Amino acid sequence: MSSETDYLVDRRRLKRRVTFWRVLAFVAVFLAVVGAAVAVAGRQMGVAGAPQLARVEISGLITGDRKTLDLLKRVQKSDAVKGVLLNINSPGGTVSGSEELYDAIRELAAAKPTVAVVDGIAASGAYIAALATDRIVARQTAMVGSIGVLFQFPNVVKLLDTIGVKMETIKSAPLKAAPSPFEPPTPASQAAVEALIADTYGWFKGLVAERRGMDAGGLATVSDGRVFTGRQALPLKLIDEIGGEKQAVSWLESEKKLSKDLPIRDWKPKDGSPLGLWSAAGAVAGAFGLDTAANLLRAVEHSAQSPVLDGLLVVWQPRG
């Protein structure tokens, strides 16, 4: 065998060995990442049995998503959790979603002392969530309130007239699918929607009056749709205390007689699929030069769909 042939054979052997060790290293690192992620997730979700305070975050649009409701149920059932800090930073969301969240937090608060901590905003549906807790603590510059209900729909009649398009509709009754963006609202359709809003608005105000102990005069002052800063909200009885997590923990220790210096653990919703692990695996694949696999794994991480809002809203919408 010539020296050139020996060289080629050695090169092939070396290449196979390098490929083998690359694959082996990738598998080892991937398993290490998975193990570390599972361990961290376990600690974050409060799997440890040591007594603790659970920190749960309510943020973004409130839609009554199943992951958040399941998380609250898990916190409620955990013997390790002695109290709950509900960190709220949300402009609200759908009426039905806010109602679901309110009911879930009331069940949680019946089992564990629960305090709402507002660092940013708890408006509309998010304030409904805060109402369900035992106590509301907010920063001086946080925003709370926006007690009201919203229903919006586009009306494109003039646009369709401009381009010469008319939508023909056949329906079983005048109020079916009314109001419609394809025809001018009628007095009857407007009255029907106003009745929906008035009924839901009454429900919202009833929660505020009951949970915050307000009389008719106090309720009228705070229920015109405005948001209030924490400084404004305190004398109006919308919140109980100015402060943050420190003040919330102090109240749990003094009023609910919880042990001092309990560790605070972050509880997170379960994804239902290990998407976070796919992202980590993508990073590992990229480190080993497996770019196609890395891009595919990262794409899986970002494939979650956006929530769809349908129906009446309790959401704060600042106007620019």
Protein backbone atom coordinates (compact mmCIF):
# COMPACT_ATOMS: atom_id res chain seq x y z
CA MET A 1 0.00 0.00 0.00
CA SER A 2 1.43 3.40 -0.98
CA SER A 3 2.09 6.16 1.49
CA GLU A 4 -0.67 8.25 -0.16
CA THR A 5 -3.19 5.44 0.35
CA ASP A 6 -2.09 5.05 3.98
CA TYR A 7 -2.58 8.76 4.45
CA LEU A 8 -6.14 8.68 3.07
CA VAL A 9 -7.06 5.69 5.24
CA ASP A 10 -5.70 7.41 8.34
CA ARG A 11 -7.63 10.56 7.46
CA ARG A 12 -10.89 8.61 7.18
CA ARG A 13 -10.26 6.89 10.51
CA LEU A 14 -9.48 10.20 12.17
CA LYS A 15 -12.61 11.80 10.70
CA ARG A 16 -14.80 8.94 11.99
CA ARG A 17 -13.25 9.26 15.44
CA VAL A 18 -13.80 13.03 15.52
CA THR A 19 -17.42 12.59 14.41
CA PHE A 20 -17.98 9.92 17.06
CA TRP A 21 -16.58 12.08 19.85
CA ARG A 22 -18.54 15.10 18.64
CA VAL A 23 -21.78 13.15 18.77
CA LEU A 24 -20.89 11.68 22.15
CA ALA A 25 -20.01 15.11 23.53
CA PHE A 26 -23.24 16.57 22.14
CA VAL A 27 -25.31 13.86 23.83
CA ALA A 28 -23.45 14.31 27.11
CA VAL A 29 -23.85 18.10 27.12
CA PHE A 30 -27.51 17.84 26.08
CA LEU A 31 -28.25 15.44 28.94
CA ALA A 32 -26.41 17.75 31.33
CA VAL A 33 -28.46 20.73 30.14
CA VAL A 34 -31.68 18.75 30.49
CA GLY A 35 -30.73 17.63 33.99
CA ALA A 36 -29.80 21.16 35.07
CA ALA A 37 -32.98 22.64 33.58
CA VAL A 38 -35.13 20.04 35.32
CA ALA A 39 -33.37 20.73 38.63
CA VAL A 40 -33.79 24.49 38.27
CA ALA A 41 -37.43 24.10 37.24
CA GLY A 42 -38.02 21.90 40.23
CA ARG A 43 -36.63 24.53 42.56
CA GLN A 44 -38.56 27.33 40.83
CA MET A 45 -41.85 25.48 41.00
CA GLY A 46 -41.43 24.84 44.70
CA VAL A 47 -40.98 21.09 44.49
CA ALA A 48 -38.79 21.21 47.59
CA GLY A 49 -40.77 20.39 50.73
CA ALA A 50 -39.20 23.07 52.95
CA PRO A 51 -41.61 25.73 54.30
CA GLN A 52 -41.67 28.73 51.96
CA LEU A 53 -43.51 31.72 50.56
CA ALA A 54 -44.59 31.28 46.95
CA ARG A 55 -44.09 34.15 44.54
CA VAL A 56 -46.52 33.99 41.60
CA GLU A 57 -46.47 36.49 38.73
CA ILE A 58 -49.60 37.75 36.99
CA SER A 59 -48.53 39.76 33.96
CA GLY A 60 -49.58 40.59 30.42
CA LEU A 61 -53.12 40.22 29.11
CA ILE A 62 -55.40 38.18 31.36
CA THR A 63 -57.30 35.57 29.37
CA GLY A 64 -57.98 32.89 31.98
CA ASP A 65 -55.29 30.69 30.47
CA ARG A 66 -55.20 27.16 31.81
CA LYS A 67 -51.49 27.25 32.71
CA THR A 68 -51.97 30.08 35.21
CA LEU A 69 -55.07 28.50 36.73
CA ASP A 70 -53.28 25.16 37.09
CA LEU A 71 -50.32 26.93 38.70
CA LEU A 72 -52.56 28.53 41.33
CA LYS A 73 -54.11 25.15 42.07
CA ARG A 74 -50.67 23.58 42.55
CA VAL A 75 -49.66 26.37 44.92
CA GLN A 76 -52.90 25.88 46.82
CA LYS A 77 -52.30 22.16 47.26
CA SER A 78 -48.64 22.42 48.30
CA ASP A 79 -48.05 21.76 52.00
CA ALA A 80 -44.70 23.56 51.72
CA VAL A 81 -46.28 26.89 50.80
CA LYS A 82 -47.28 28.88 53.88
CA GLY A 83 -48.18 32.13 52.15
CA VAL A 84 -48.40 33.63 48.65
CA LEU A 85 -47.05 36.83 47.12
CA LEU A 86 -49.04 37.60 43.97
CA ASN A 87 -46.92 40.00 41.92
CA ILE A 88 -49.26 41.80 39.52
CA ASN A 89 -48.23 43.85 36.50
CA SER A 90 -51.03 43.79 33.93
CA PRO A 91 -53.43 46.17 32.15
CA GLY A 92 -56.27 43.60 32.40
CA GLY A 93 -57.86 41.41 29.78
CA THR A 94 -61.14 39.66 29.02
CA VAL A 95 -64.06 39.76 31.43
CA SER A 96 -64.50 36.01 31.53
CA GLY A 97 -60.76 35.42 31.90
CA SER A 98 -60.59 37.91 34.78
CA GLU A 99 -63.56 36.23 36.45
CA GLU A 100 -61.85 32.83 36.19
CA LEU A 101 -58.65 34.22 37.64
CA TYR A 102 -60.56 35.95 40.46
CA ASP A 103 -62.30 32.71 41.43
CA ALA A 104 -59.01 30.78 41.37
CA ILE A 105 -57.28 33.37 43.60
CA ARG A 106 -60.22 33.37 46.04
CA GLU A 107 -59.87 29.59 46.38
CA LEU A 108 -56.13 30.01 46.90
CA ALA A 109 -56.62 32.75 49.50
CA ALA A 110 -59.06 30.53 51.38
CA ALA A 111 -56.24 27.99 51.80
CA LYS A 112 -53.15 30.24 52.09
CA PRO A 113 -52.77 33.88 53.16
CA THR A 114 -52.29 35.78 49.91
CA VAL A 115 -51.07 39.33 49.28
CA ALA A 116 -51.13 41.24 45.99
CA VAL A 117 -47.97 43.25 45.29
CA VAL A 118 -48.32 45.88 42.55
CA ASP A 119 -45.00 47.20 41.29
CA GLY A 120 -46.26 48.46 37.93
CA ILE A 121 -49.95 48.34 37.05
CA ALA A 122 -53.02 46.45 38.21
CA ALA A 123 -55.78 47.91 36.07
CA SER A 124 -59.23 46.62 35.13
CA GLY A 125 -59.09 42.81 35.04
CA ALA A 126 -55.77 42.86 36.89
CA TYR A 127 -57.37 44.89 39.67
CA ILE A 128 -60.11 42.24 39.80
CA ALA A 129 -57.32 39.73 40.46
CA ALA A 130 -55.91 41.94 43.22
CA LEU A 131 -59.37 42.18 44.80
CA ALA A 132 -59.35 38.42 45.33
CA THR A 133 -56.36 38.56 47.71
CA ASP A 134 -56.31 39.24 51.46
CA ARG A 135 -54.35 42.47 51.10
CA ILE A 136 -53.20 44.83 48.34
CA VAL A 137 -49.79 46.52 48.56
CA ALA A 138 -48.73 48.96 45.82
CA ARG A 139 -45.83 51.25 45.08
CA GLN A 140 -46.44 54.98 45.36
CA THR A 141 -46.17 55.36 41.59
CA ALA A 142 -47.91 52.10 40.64
CA MET A 143 -51.26 52.39 38.87
CA VAL A 144 -54.43 50.68 40.03
CA GLY A 145 -58.13 50.92 39.25
CA SER A 146 -59.61 51.49 35.80
CA ILE A 147 -62.89 50.10 37.08
CA GLY A 148 -65.00 49.73 33.97
CA VAL A 149 -65.87 47.57 30.97
CA LEU A 150 -64.99 48.04 27.32
CA PHE A 151 -66.48 46.80 24.07
CA GLN A 152 -64.93 47.84 20.77
CA PHE A 153 -65.53 46.88 17.17
CA PRO A 154 -64.42 48.42 13.86
CA ASN A 155 -66.94 49.98 11.50
CA VAL A 156 -65.76 49.86 7.89
CA VAL A 157 -68.98 50.95 6.17
CA LYS A 158 -67.52 54.18 4.72
CA LEU A 159 -64.41 52.34 3.54
CA LEU A 160 -66.52 49.73 1.74
CA ASP A 161 -68.64 52.50 0.17
CA THR A 162 -65.47 54.19 -1.08
CA ILE A 163 -64.22 51.08 -2.85
CA GLY A 164 -67.67 50.04 -4.02
CA VAL A 165 -68.18 46.93 -1.88
CA LYS A 166 -71.33 46.03 0.03
CA MET A 167 -71.65 43.13 2.45
CA GLU A 168 -74.99 41.34 2.09
CA THR A 169 -76.26 39.59 5.23
CA ILE A 170 -79.15 37.22 5.83
CA LYS A 171 -79.83 36.49 9.49
CA SER A 172 -82.50 34.94 11.66
CA ALA A 173 -83.22 38.03 13.75
CA PRO A 174 -82.29 41.75 13.73
CA LEU A 175 -79.86 41.45 16.65
CA LYS A 176 -78.02 38.39 15.36
CA ALA A 177 -74.29 39.26 14.88
CA ALA A 178 -74.98 42.84 15.90
CA PRO A 179 -73.29 45.22 15.98
CA SER A 180 -71.55 44.45 12.72
CA PRO A 181 -68.53 46.19 11.21
CA PHE A 182 -70.24 45.98 7.81
CA GLU A 183 -73.35 48.06 8.57
CA PRO A 184 -74.17 51.14 10.65
CA PRO A 185 -75.15 50.27 14.23
CA THR A 186 -78.87 50.47 14.90
CA PRO A 187 -80.39 51.88 18.10
CA ALA A 188 -81.49 48.35 19.01
CA SER A 189 -78.00 46.87 18.59
CA GLN A 190 -76.43 49.72 20.56
CA ALA A 191 -78.95 49.23 23.36
CA ALA A 192 -78.21 45.50 23.47
CA VAL A 193 -74.46 46.07 23.83
CA GLU A 194 -75.00 48.80 26.41
CA ALA A 195 -77.10 46.37 28.44
CA LEU A 196 -74.23 43.84 28.36
CA ILE A 197 -71.74 46.47 29.47
CA ALA A 198 -74.02 47.79 32.22
CA ASP A 199 -74.58 44.31 33.62
CA THR A 200 -70.87 43.45 33.65
CA TYR A 201 -69.97 46.89 35.01
CA GLY A 202 -72.42 46.32 37.85
CA TRP A 203 -70.75 42.99 38.61
CA PHE A 204 -67.31 44.65 38.68
CA LYS A 205 -68.49 47.44 40.99
CA GLY A 206 -70.14 44.88 43.25
CA LEU A 207 -66.79 43.10 43.68
CA VAL A 208 -65.10 46.39 44.56
CA ALA A 209 -67.78 47.36 47.07
CA GLU A 210 -67.73 43.92 48.72
CA ARG A 211 -63.99 43.31 48.83
CA ARG A 212 -62.95 46.87 49.69
CA GLY A 213 -65.82 47.70 52.05
CA MET A 214 -66.95 50.79 50.14
CA ASP A 215 -70.20 52.66 50.43
CA ALA A 216 -72.04 54.09 47.43
CA GLY A 217 -70.25 57.43 47.60
CA GLY A 218 -66.79 55.94 47.76
CA LEU A 219 -67.59 53.52 44.96
CA ALA A 220 -68.85 56.33 42.71
CA THR A 221 -65.57 58.20 43.21
CA VAL A 222 -63.34 55.34 42.06
CA SER A 223 -65.48 53.64 39.41
CA ASP A 224 -65.46 56.18 36.57
CA GLY A 225 -62.78 54.27 34.63
CA ARG A 226 -59.75 56.21 35.85
CA VAL A 227 -56.50 54.73 37.04
CA PHE A 228 -54.97 56.01 40.26
CA THR A 229 -51.42 56.07 41.55
CA GLY A 230 -50.68 54.16 44.71
CA ARG A 231 -50.53 57.47 46.60
CA GLN A 232 -54.01 58.38 45.36
CA ALA A 233 -55.42 54.88 45.81
CA LEU A 234 -54.59 54.50 49.51
CA PRO A 235 -57.00 57.13 50.91
CA LEU A 236 -59.63 55.94 48.41
CA LYS A 237 -59.42 52.43 49.92
CA LEU A 238 -58.41 50.82 46.64
CA ILE A 239 -55.26 49.46 48.32
CA ASP A 240 -54.23 48.72 51.89
CA GLU A 241 -50.62 49.85 52.04
CA ILE A 242 -47.89 51.69 50.17
CA GLY A 243 -44.85 49.51 49.58
CA GLY A 244 -43.63 46.37 47.91
CA GLU A 245 -42.69 42.79 48.66
CA LYS A 246 -40.94 43.70 51.92
CA GLN A 247 -44.12 45.21 53.34
CA ALA A 248 -46.20 42.27 52.09
CA VAL A 249 -43.93 39.77 53.84
CA SER A 250 -43.95 41.84 57.02
CA TRP A 251 -47.76 41.77 57.05
CA LEU A 252 -47.83 38.00 56.56
CA GLU A 253 -45.45 37.58 59.51
CA SER A 254 -47.22 40.00 61.84
CA GLU A 255 -50.88 39.46 60.97
CA LYS A 256 -50.91 35.86 59.74
CA LYS A 257 -48.25 34.69 62.22
CA LEU A 258 -46.04 33.10 59.58
CA SER A 259 -42.49 32.21 60.56
CA LYS A 260 -39.95 34.95 59.98
CA ASP A 261 -37.39 34.68 57.19
CA LEU A 262 -39.24 32.05 55.18
CA PRO A 263 -37.50 31.68 51.80
CA ILE A 264 -39.39 33.09 48.81
CA ARG A 265 -39.64 30.65 45.90
CA ASP A 266 -40.74 31.57 42.37
CA TRP A 267 -43.51 29.30 41.11
CA LYS A 268 -43.85 29.11 37.34
CA PRO A 269 -46.52 27.62 35.08
CA LYS A 270 -45.78 24.27 33.52
CA ASP A 271 -45.19 24.59 29.78
CA GLY A 272 -46.75 21.23 28.96
CA SER A 273 -43.78 20.68 26.63
CA PRO A 274 -40.09 21.19 27.37
CA LEU A 275 -39.70 24.21 25.11
CA GLY A 276 -37.02 25.77 27.29
CA LEU A 277 -34.96 22.63 26.85
CA TRP A 278 -35.24 22.89 23.06
CA SER A 279 -33.64 26.33 23.20
CA ALA A 280 -30.81 25.03 25.38
CA ALA A 281 -30.33 22.08 23.05
CA GLY A 282 -30.20 24.50 20.12
CA ALA A 283 -27.35 26.40 21.77
CA VAL A 284 -25.46 23.16 22.30
CA ALA A 285 -26.03 22.11 18.69
CA GLY A 286 -24.76 25.45 17.47
CA ALA A 287 -21.62 25.12 19.60
CA PHE A 288 -20.84 21.87 17.77
CA GLY A 289 -21.38 23.37 14.35
CA LEU A 290 -24.75 21.69 13.77
CA ASP A 291 -26.36 24.89 12.49
CA THR A 292 -29.39 23.32 10.80
CA ALA A 293 -30.34 21.40 13.93
CA ALA A 294 -29.70 24.49 16.08
CA ASN A 295 -32.01 26.67 13.97
CA LEU A 296 -34.74 24.05 14.04
CA LEU A 297 -34.56 23.67 17.83
CA ARG A 298 -34.63 27.43 18.34
CA ALA A 299 -37.64 27.72 16.04
CA VAL A 300 -39.57 25.32 18.24
CA GLU A 301 -38.91 27.62 21.22
CA HIS A 302 -40.63 30.57 19.53
CA SER A 303 -43.62 28.77 18.05
CA ALA A 304 -46.14 29.64 20.80
CA GLN A 305 -49.29 31.34 19.55
CA SER A 306 -50.53 34.73 20.75
CA PRO A 307 -53.71 34.84 22.84
CA VAL A 308 -56.96 35.67 21.07
CA LEU A 309 -59.28 38.19 22.76
CA ASP A 310 -62.97 37.63 22.26
CA GLY A 311 -65.92 39.29 24.01
CA LEU A 312 -66.13 42.10 26.59
CA LEU A 313 -62.85 43.46 27.92
CA VAL A 314 -61.77 44.83 31.28
CA VAL A 315 -58.50 46.34 30.12
CA TRP A 316 -56.81 49.72 30.51
CA GLN A 317 -56.14 51.43 27.18
CA PRO A 318 -54.25 54.71 27.55
CA ARG A 319 -54.81 57.09 24.67
CA GLY A 320 -51.86 58.71 22.94
